PDB file of N, CA and C in Angstrom:
ATOM      1  N   MET A   1      66.664  27.699  59.232  1.00  0.00           N
ATOM      2  CA  MET A   1      66.746  28.818  60.154  1.00  0.00           C
ATOM      3  C   MET A   1      66.625  30.111  59.348  1.00  0.00           C
ATOM      4  N   HIS A   2      65.926  31.036  59.897  1.00  0.00           N
ATOM      5  CA  HIS A   2      65.712  32.316  59.241  1.00  0.00           C
ATOM      6  C   HIS A   2      67.034  33.080  59.147  1.00  0.00           C
ATOM      7  N   THR A   3      67.292  33.728  58.013  1.00  0.00           N
ATOM      8  CA  THR A   3      68.575  34.391  57.812  1.00  0.00           C
ATOM      9  C   THR A   3      68.774  35.570  58.764  1.00  0.00           C
ATOM     10  N   ASN A   4      67.684  36.271  59.119  1.00  0.00           N
ATOM     11  CA  ASN A   4      67.798  37.374  60.075  1.00  0.00           C
ATOM     12  C   ASN A   4      68.243  36.873  61.443  1.00  0.00           C
ATOM     13  N   LEU A   5      67.679  35.740  61.854  1.00  0.00           N
ATOM     14  CA  LEU A   5      68.047  35.160  63.136  1.00  0.00           C
ATOM     15  C   LEU A   5      69.496  34.683  63.116  1.00  0.00           C
ATOM     16  N   LEU A   6      69.914  34.076  62.019  1.00  0.00           N
ATOM     17  CA  LEU A   6      71.297  33.621  61.897  1.00  0.00           C
ATOM     18  C   LEU A   6      72.260  34.808  61.926  1.00  0.00           C
ATOM     19  N   PHE A   7      71.898  35.885  61.240  1.00  0.00           N
ATOM     20  CA  PHE A   7      72.718  37.102  61.237  1.00  0.00           C
ATOM     21  C   PHE A   7      72.844  37.673  62.648  1.00  0.00           C
ATOM     22  N   ARG A   8      71.736  37.692  63.380  1.00  0.00           N
ATOM     23  CA  ARG A   8      71.739  38.211  64.751  1.00  0.00           C
ATOM     24  C   ARG A   8      72.601  37.353  65.665  1.00  0.00           C
ATOM     25  N   ILE A   9      72.492  36.043  65.521  1.00  0.00           N
ATOM     26  CA  ILE A   9      73.290  35.130  66.342  1.00  0.00           C
ATOM     27  C   ILE A   9      74.769  35.288  66.040  1.00  0.00           C
ATOM     28  N   LEU A  10      75.126  35.407  64.775  1.00  0.00           N
ATOM     29  CA  LEU A  10      76.534  35.579  64.410  1.00  0.00           C
ATOM     30  C   LEU A  10      77.104  36.896  64.937  1.00  0.00           C
ATOM     31  N   LEU A  11      76.317  37.971  64.853  1.00  0.00           N
ATOM     32  CA  LEU A  11      76.782  39.247  65.401  1.00  0.00           C
ATOM     33  C   LEU A  11      76.934  39.180  66.920  1.00  0.00           C
ATOM     34  N   ASP A  12      75.989  38.526  67.587  1.00  0.00           N
ATOM     35  CA  ASP A  12      76.094  38.357  69.039  1.00  0.00           C
ATOM     36  C   ASP A  12      77.333  37.559  69.419  1.00  0.00           C
ATOM     37  N   LEU A  13      77.590  36.497  68.679  1.00  0.00           N
ATOM     38  CA  LEU A  13      78.786  35.694  68.946  1.00  0.00           C
ATOM     39  C   LEU A  13      80.066  36.503  68.730  1.00  0.00           C
ATOM     40  N   ALA A  14      80.059  37.346  67.709  1.00  0.00           N
ATOM     41  CA  ALA A  14      81.235  38.188  67.460  1.00  0.00           C
ATOM     42  C   ALA A  14      81.466  39.161  68.619  1.00  0.00           C
ATOM     43  N   VAL A  15      80.388  39.774  69.118  1.00  0.00           N
ATOM     44  CA  VAL A  15      80.530  40.714  70.238  1.00  0.00           C
ATOM     45  C   VAL A  15      80.996  39.976  71.496  1.00  0.00           C
ATOM     46  N   VAL A  16      80.398  38.822  71.766  1.00  0.00           N
ATOM     47  CA  VAL A  16      80.782  38.062  72.962  1.00  0.00           C
ATOM     48  C   VAL A  16      82.230  37.591  72.868  1.00  0.00           C
ATOM     49  N   MET A  17      82.656  37.154  71.690  1.00  0.00           N
ATOM     50  CA  MET A  17      84.054  36.729  71.538  1.00  0.00           C
ATOM     51  C   MET A  17      85.013  37.904  71.741  1.00  0.00           C
ATOM     52  N   CYS A  18      84.640  39.075  71.258  1.00  0.00           N
ATOM     53  CA  CYS A  18      85.486  40.254  71.479  1.00  0.00           C
ATOM     54  C   CYS A  18      85.562  40.590  72.965  1.00  0.00           C
ATOM     55  N   ILE A  19      84.455  40.431  73.688  1.00  0.00           N
ATOM     56  CA  ILE A  19      84.459  40.693  75.128  1.00  0.00           C
ATOM     57  C   ILE A  19      85.318  39.664  75.838  1.00  0.00           C
ATOM     58  N   LEU A  20      85.173  38.390  75.470  1.00  0.00           N
ATOM     59  CA  LEU A  20      85.948  37.331  76.130  1.00  0.00           C
ATOM     60  C   LEU A  20      87.446  37.491  75.897  1.00  0.00           C
ATOM     61  N   LEU A  21      87.815  37.985  74.717  1.00  0.00           N
ATOM     62  CA  LEU A  21      89.226  38.179  74.406  1.00  0.00           C
ATOM     63  C   LEU A  21      89.772  39.504  74.935  1.00  0.00           C
ATOM     64  N   GLY A  22      88.891  40.336  75.486  1.00  0.00           N
ATOM     65  CA  GLY A  22      89.332  41.603  76.066  1.00  0.00           C
ATOM     66  C   GLY A  22      89.455  42.719  75.058  1.00  0.00           C
ATOM     67  N   TRP A  23      88.878  42.557  73.901  1.00  0.00           N
ATOM     68  CA  TRP A  23      88.955  43.582  72.864  1.00  0.00           C
ATOM     69  C   TRP A  23      87.774  44.528  72.985  1.00  0.00           C
ATOM     70  N   TRP A  24      87.706  45.315  74.046  1.00  0.00           N
ATOM     71  CA  TRP A  24      86.579  46.216  74.266  1.00  0.00           C
ATOM     72  C   TRP A  24      86.501  47.278  73.190  1.00  0.00           C
ATOM     73  N   PHE A  25      87.651  47.662  72.619  1.00  0.00           N
ATOM     74  CA  PHE A  25      87.686  48.692  71.591  1.00  0.00           C
ATOM     75  C   PHE A  25      87.089  48.198  70.274  1.00  0.00           C
ATOM     76  N   ILE A  26      86.924  46.904  70.115  1.00  0.00           N
ATOM     77  CA  ILE A  26      86.216  46.348  68.967  1.00  0.00           C
ATOM     78  C   ILE A  26      84.787  45.992  69.366  1.00  0.00           C
ATOM     79  N   ALA A  27      84.603  45.489  70.588  1.00  0.00           N
ATOM     80  CA  ALA A  27      83.285  45.059  71.052  1.00  0.00           C
ATOM     81  C   ALA A  27      82.317  46.234  71.160  1.00  0.00           C
ATOM     82  N   LEU A  28      82.784  47.378  71.618  1.00  0.00           N
ATOM     83  CA  LEU A  28      81.896  48.529  71.807  1.00  0.00           C
ATOM     84  C   LEU A  28      81.327  49.057  70.483  1.00  0.00           C
ATOM     85  N   PRO A  29      82.170  49.334  69.466  1.00  0.00           N
ATOM     86  CA  PRO A  29      81.570  49.787  68.192  1.00  0.00           C
ATOM     87  C   PRO A  29      80.714  48.708  67.520  1.00  0.00           C
ATOM     88  N   LEU A  30      81.096  47.449  67.679  1.00  0.00           N
ATOM     89  CA  LEU A  30      80.305  46.372  67.099  1.00  0.00           C
ATOM     90  C   LEU A  30      78.947  46.256  67.793  1.00  0.00           C
ATOM     91  N   ALA A  31      78.921  46.447  69.108  1.00  0.00           N
ATOM     92  CA  ALA A  31      77.653  46.426  69.837  1.00  0.00           C
ATOM     93  C   ALA A  31      76.782  47.613  69.454  1.00  0.00           C
ATOM     94  N   VAL A  32      77.380  48.775  69.249  1.00  0.00           N
ATOM     95  CA  VAL A  32      76.626  49.955  68.805  1.00  0.00           C
ATOM     96  C   VAL A  32      76.049  49.703  67.410  1.00  0.00           C
ATOM     97  N   LEU A  33      76.832  49.101  66.541  1.00  0.00           N
ATOM     98  CA  LEU A  33      76.364  48.774  65.206  1.00  0.00           C
ATOM     99  C   LEU A  33      75.200  47.779  65.263  1.00  0.00           C
ATOM    100  N   CYS A  34      75.320  46.780  66.132  1.00  0.00           N
ATOM    101  CA  CYS A  34      74.235  45.804  66.297  1.00  0.00           C
ATOM    102  C   CYS A  34      72.972  46.475  66.825  1.00  0.00           C
ATOM    103  N   ALA A  35      73.126  47.353  67.801  1.00  0.00           N
ATOM    104  CA  ALA A  35      71.971  48.040  68.373  1.00  0.00           C
ATOM    105  C   ALA A  35      71.315  48.957  67.346  1.00  0.00           C
ATOM    106  N   TRP A  36      72.086  49.505  66.427  1.00  0.00           N
ATOM    107  CA  TRP A  36      71.523  50.381  65.411  1.00  0.00           C
ATOM    108  C   TRP A  36      70.827  49.576  64.319  1.00  0.00           C
ATOM    109  N   MET A  37      71.431  48.469  63.906  1.00  0.00           N
ATOM    110  CA  MET A  37      70.905  47.697  62.781  1.00  0.00           C
ATOM    111  C   MET A  37      69.738  46.789  63.161  1.00  0.00           C
ATOM    112  N   LEU A  38      69.793  46.183  64.343  1.00  0.00           N
ATOM    113  CA  LEU A  38      68.802  45.186  64.723  1.00  0.00           C
ATOM    114  C   LEU A  38      67.697  45.812  65.564  1.00  0.00           C
ATOM    115  N   PRO A  39      66.459  45.413  65.336  1.00  0.00           N
ATOM    116  CA  PRO A  39      65.369  45.934  66.167  1.00  0.00           C
ATOM    117  C   PRO A  39      65.390  45.279  67.544  1.00  0.00           C
ATOM    118  N   CYS A  40      65.165  46.062  68.559  1.00  0.00           N
ATOM    119  CA  CYS A  40      65.038  45.576  69.936  1.00  0.00           C
ATOM    120  C   CYS A  40      66.256  44.752  70.358  1.00  0.00           C
ATOM    121  N   TYR A  41      67.399  45.375  70.368  1.00  0.00           N
ATOM    122  CA  TYR A  41      68.657  44.685  70.705  1.00  0.00           C
ATOM    123  C   TYR A  41      68.814  44.666  72.220  1.00  0.00           C
ATOM    124  N   LEU A  42      68.212  43.675  72.848  1.00  0.00           N
ATOM    125  CA  LEU A  42      68.235  43.567  74.304  1.00  0.00           C
ATOM    126  C   LEU A  42      69.470  42.831  74.825  1.00  0.00           C
ATOM    127  N   GLU A  43      70.327  42.406  73.932  1.00  0.00           N
ATOM    128  CA  GLU A  43      71.538  41.713  74.354  1.00  0.00           C
ATOM    129  C   GLU A  43      72.598  42.669  74.892  1.00  0.00           C
ATOM    130  N   LEU A  44      72.448  43.949  74.628  1.00  0.00           N
ATOM    131  CA  LEU A  44      73.452  44.937  75.035  1.00  0.00           C
ATOM    132  C   LEU A  44      73.673  44.973  76.547  1.00  0.00           C
ATOM    133  N   PRO A  45      72.636  45.040  77.392  1.00  0.00           N
ATOM    134  CA  PRO A  45      72.896  45.003  78.841  1.00  0.00           C
ATOM    135  C   PRO A  45      73.496  43.678  79.309  1.00  0.00           C
ATOM    136  N   VAL A  46      73.128  42.592  78.653  1.00  0.00           N
ATOM    137  CA  VAL A  46      73.708  41.293  79.012  1.00  0.00           C
ATOM    138  C   VAL A  46      75.197  41.277  78.695  1.00  0.00           C
ATOM    139  N   GLU A  47      75.562  41.875  77.576  1.00  0.00           N
ATOM    140  CA  GLU A  47      76.980  41.956  77.223  1.00  0.00           C
ATOM    141  C   GLU A  47      77.732  42.887  78.171  1.00  0.00           C
ATOM    142  N   GLY A  48      77.081  43.948  78.626  1.00  0.00           N
ATOM    143  CA  GLY A  48      77.697  44.816  79.631  1.00  0.00           C
ATOM    144  C   GLY A  48      77.907  44.096  80.951  1.00  0.00           C
ATOM    145  N   LEU A  49      76.942  43.264  81.329  1.00  0.00           N
ATOM    146  CA  LEU A  49      77.071  42.470  82.545  1.00  0.00           C
ATOM    147  C   LEU A  49      78.187  41.445  82.406  1.00  0.00           C
ATOM    148  N   LEU A  50      78.299  40.840  81.232  1.00  0.00           N
ATOM    149  CA  LEU A  50      79.390  39.897  80.981  1.00  0.00           C
ATOM    150  C   LEU A  50      80.740  40.590  81.102  1.00  0.00           C
ATOM    151  N   PHE A  51      80.839  41.786  80.533  1.00  0.00           N
ATOM    152  CA  PHE A  51      82.090  42.541  80.626  1.00  0.00           C
ATOM    153  C   PHE A  51      82.436  42.858  82.080  1.00  0.00           C
ATOM    154  N   ASP A  52      81.434  43.284  82.858  1.00  0.00           N
ATOM    155  CA  ASP A  52      81.676  43.589  84.266  1.00  0.00           C
ATOM    156  C   ASP A  52      82.056  42.338  85.055  1.00  0.00           C
ATOM    157  N   SER A  53      81.439  41.223  84.728  1.00  0.00           N
ATOM    158  CA  SER A  53      81.747  39.983  85.438  1.00  0.00           C
ATOM    159  C   SER A  53      83.182  39.547  85.191  1.00  0.00           C
ATOM    160  N   LEU A  54      83.668  39.772  83.989  1.00  0.00           N
ATOM    161  CA  LEU A  54      85.029  39.352  83.659  1.00  0.00           C
ATOM    162  C   LEU A  54      86.085  40.374  84.062  1.00  0.00           C
ATOM    163  N   TYR A  55      85.818  41.640  83.776  1.00  0.00           N
ATOM    164  CA  TYR A  55      86.849  42.664  83.935  1.00  0.00           C
ATOM    165  C   TYR A  55      86.447  43.798  84.866  1.00  0.00           C
ATOM    166  N   GLY A  56      85.363  43.631  85.627  1.00  0.00           N
ATOM    167  CA  GLY A  56      84.889  44.697  86.504  1.00  0.00           C
ATOM    168  C   GLY A  56      85.906  45.044  87.579  1.00  0.00           C
ATOM    169  N   LEU A  57      85.829  46.249  88.036  1.00  0.00           N
ATOM    170  CA  LEU A  57      86.743  46.706  89.070  1.00  0.00           C
ATOM    171  C   LEU A  57      86.354  46.096  90.411  1.00  0.00           C
ATOM    172  N   GLY A  58      87.139  46.311  91.416  1.00  0.00           N
ATOM    173  CA  GLY A  58      86.916  45.714  92.723  1.00  0.00           C
ATOM    174  C   GLY A  58      85.647  46.153  93.416  1.00  0.00           C
ATOM    175  N   ARG A  59      85.277  45.403  94.450  1.00  0.00           N
ATOM    176  CA  ARG A  59      84.044  45.694  95.183  1.00  0.00           C
ATOM    177  C   ARG A  59      84.088  47.033  95.897  1.00  0.00           C
ATOM    178  N   GLY A  60      85.241  47.451  96.339  1.00  0.00           N
ATOM    179  CA  GLY A  60      85.347  48.661  97.132  1.00  0.00           C
ATOM    180  C   GLY A  60      85.188  49.946  96.345  1.00  0.00           C
ATOM    181  N   LEU A  61      85.027  49.859  95.051  1.00  0.00           N
ATOM    182  CA  LEU A  61      84.945  51.063  94.230  1.00  0.00           C
ATOM    183  C   LEU A  61      83.518  51.543  93.983  1.00  0.00           C
ATOM    184  N   GLY A  62      82.541  50.868  94.543  1.00  0.00           N
ATOM    185  CA  GLY A  62      81.152  51.312  94.428  1.00  0.00           C
ATOM    186  C   GLY A  62      80.621  51.210  93.018  1.00  0.00           C
ATOM    187  N   VAL A  63      80.113  52.329  92.500  1.00  0.00           N
ATOM    188  CA  VAL A  63      79.458  52.350  91.192  1.00  0.00           C
ATOM    189  C   VAL A  63      80.444  52.053  90.066  1.00  0.00           C
ATOM    190  N   LEU A  64      81.700  52.396  90.221  1.00  0.00           N
ATOM    191  CA  LEU A  64      82.687  52.156  89.168  1.00  0.00           C
ATOM    192  C   LEU A  64      82.872  50.673  88.879  1.00  0.00           C
ATOM    193  N   GLY A  65      82.500  49.803  89.815  1.00  0.00           N
ATOM    194  CA  GLY A  65      82.586  48.371  89.577  1.00  0.00           C
ATOM    195  C   GLY A  65      81.554  47.888  88.574  1.00  0.00           C
ATOM    196  N   PHE A  66      80.542  48.701  88.316  1.00  0.00           N
ATOM    197  CA  PHE A  66      79.479  48.349  87.379  1.00  0.00           C
ATOM    198  C   PHE A  66      79.495  49.249  86.156  1.00  0.00           C
ATOM    199  N   LEU A  67      80.648  49.718  85.778  1.00  0.00           N
ATOM    200  CA  LEU A  67      80.766  50.678  84.684  1.00  0.00           C
ATOM    201  C   LEU A  67      80.338  50.089  83.342  1.00  0.00           C
ATOM    202  N   GLY A  68      80.605  48.810  83.108  1.00  0.00           N
ATOM    203  CA  GLY A  68      80.235  48.178  81.842  1.00  0.00           C
ATOM    204  C   GLY A  68      78.736  48.146  81.625  1.00  0.00           C
ATOM    205  N   ILE A  69      78.002  47.754  82.647  1.00  0.00           N
ATOM    206  CA  ILE A  69      76.544  47.682  82.485  1.00  0.00           C
ATOM    207  C   ILE A  69      75.921  49.076  82.449  1.00  0.00           C
ATOM    208  N   ILE A  70      76.504  50.016  83.178  1.00  0.00           N
ATOM    209  CA  ILE A  70      75.992  51.392  83.140  1.00  0.00           C
ATOM    210  C   ILE A  70      76.188  51.982  81.754  1.00  0.00           C
ATOM    211  N   ILE A  71      77.360  51.789  81.181  1.00  0.00           N
ATOM    212  CA  ILE A  71      77.632  52.306  79.835  1.00  0.00           C
ATOM    213  C   ILE A  71      76.725  51.634  78.816  1.00  0.00           C
ATOM    214  N   SER A  72      76.522  50.317  78.953  1.00  0.00           N
ATOM    215  CA  SER A  72      75.673  49.627  77.983  1.00  0.00           C
ATOM    216  C   SER A  72      74.212  50.076  78.083  1.00  0.00           C
ATOM    217  N   LEU A  73      73.714  50.324  79.286  1.00  0.00           N
ATOM    218  CA  LEU A  73      72.341  50.798  79.436  1.00  0.00           C
ATOM    219  C   LEU A  73      72.172  52.208  78.876  1.00  0.00           C
ATOM    220  N   VAL A  74      73.115  53.090  79.182  1.00  0.00           N
ATOM    221  CA  VAL A  74      73.047  54.465  78.658  1.00  0.00           C
ATOM    222  C   VAL A  74      73.172  54.455  77.140  1.00  0.00           C
ATOM    223  N   LEU A  75      74.086  53.667  76.627  1.00  0.00           N
ATOM    224  CA  LEU A  75      74.272  53.568  75.187  1.00  0.00           C
ATOM    225  C   LEU A  75      73.020  53.021  74.506  1.00  0.00           C
ATOM    226  N   GLY A  76      72.412  52.018  75.102  1.00  0.00           N
ATOM    227  CA  GLY A  76      71.179  51.465  74.552  1.00  0.00           C
ATOM    228  C   GLY A  76      70.054  52.479  74.525  1.00  0.00           C
ATOM    229  N   LEU A  77      69.899  53.243  75.608  1.00  0.00           N
ATOM    230  CA  LEU A  77      68.853  54.270  75.648  1.00  0.00           C
ATOM    231  C   LEU A  77      69.104  55.381  74.639  1.00  0.00           C
ATOM    232  N   VAL A  78      70.342  55.787  74.498  1.00  0.00           N
ATOM    233  CA  VAL A  78      70.674  56.841  73.529  1.00  0.00           C
ATOM    234  C   VAL A  78      70.384  56.360  72.113  1.00  0.00           C
ATOM    235  N   ILE A  79      70.731  55.117  71.819  1.00  0.00           N
ATOM    236  CA  ILE A  79      70.490  54.593  70.472  1.00  0.00           C
ATOM    237  C   ILE A  79      68.995  54.466  70.205  1.00  0.00           C
ATOM    238  N   ILE A  80      68.230  54.028  71.205  1.00  0.00           N
ATOM    239  CA  ILE A  80      66.778  53.941  71.040  1.00  0.00           C
ATOM    240  C   ILE A  80      66.182  55.329  70.770  1.00  0.00           C
ATOM    241  N   LEU A  81      66.646  56.346  71.507  1.00  0.00           N
ATOM    242  CA  LEU A  81      66.144  57.707  71.288  1.00  0.00           C
ATOM    243  C   LEU A  81      66.524  58.234  69.905  1.00  0.00           C
ATOM    244  N   ILE A  82      67.755  57.994  69.486  1.00  0.00           N
ATOM    245  CA  ILE A  82      68.196  58.456  68.161  1.00  0.00           C
ATOM    246  C   ILE A  82      67.425  57.741  67.069  1.00  0.00           C
ATOM    247  N   LYS A  83      67.194  56.444  67.230  1.00  0.00           N
ATOM    248  CA  LYS A  83      66.405  55.706  66.235  1.00  0.00           C
ATOM    249  C   LYS A  83      64.986  56.250  66.146  1.00  0.00           C
ATOM    250  N   ALA A  84      64.392  56.622  67.285  1.00  0.00           N
ATOM    251  CA  ALA A  84      63.047  57.174  67.287  1.00  0.00           C
ATOM    252  C   ALA A  84      63.013  58.543  66.604  1.00  0.00           C
ATOM    253  N   ILE A  85      64.039  59.351  66.831  1.00  0.00           N
ATOM    254  CA  ILE A  85      64.096  60.683  66.203  1.00  0.00           C
ATOM    255  C   ILE A  85      64.295  60.553  64.697  1.00  0.00           C
ATOM    256  N   VAL A  86      65.149  59.650  64.277  1.00  0.00           N
ATOM    257  CA  VAL A  86      65.436  59.484  62.849  1.00  0.00           C
ATOM    258  C   VAL A  86      64.213  58.962  62.106  1.00  0.00           C
ATOM    259  N   LYS A  87      63.434  58.098  62.741  1.00  0.00           N
ATOM    260  CA  LYS A  87      62.264  57.523  62.072  1.00  0.00           C
ATOM    261  C   LYS A  87      61.088  58.487  61.993  1.00  0.00           C
ATOM    262  N   MET A  88      61.146  59.634  62.669  1.00  0.00           N
ATOM    263  CA  MET A  88      60.040  60.597  62.633  1.00  0.00           C
ATOM    264  C   MET A  88      59.877  61.215  61.292  1.00  0.00           C
TER     265      MET A  88
END
């Protein structure tokens, strides 16, 4: 197995385990680090969806029930823009 792929899988597992254990304060910086280090980190919205599925607020709260995926999408876009600016 390629070492880059193994590194990516291990980082993904670490983020998912932090989400499953409820350690959002560790999962969020680790996900940002993964998005910065790895090219095309498309796992971020999936991890936001996982967070919302486990710990999302009630149905009656509207958009606030999807706060995890909204934050992950905005964070992903911001990181993509910053990476593009830095590489110029």
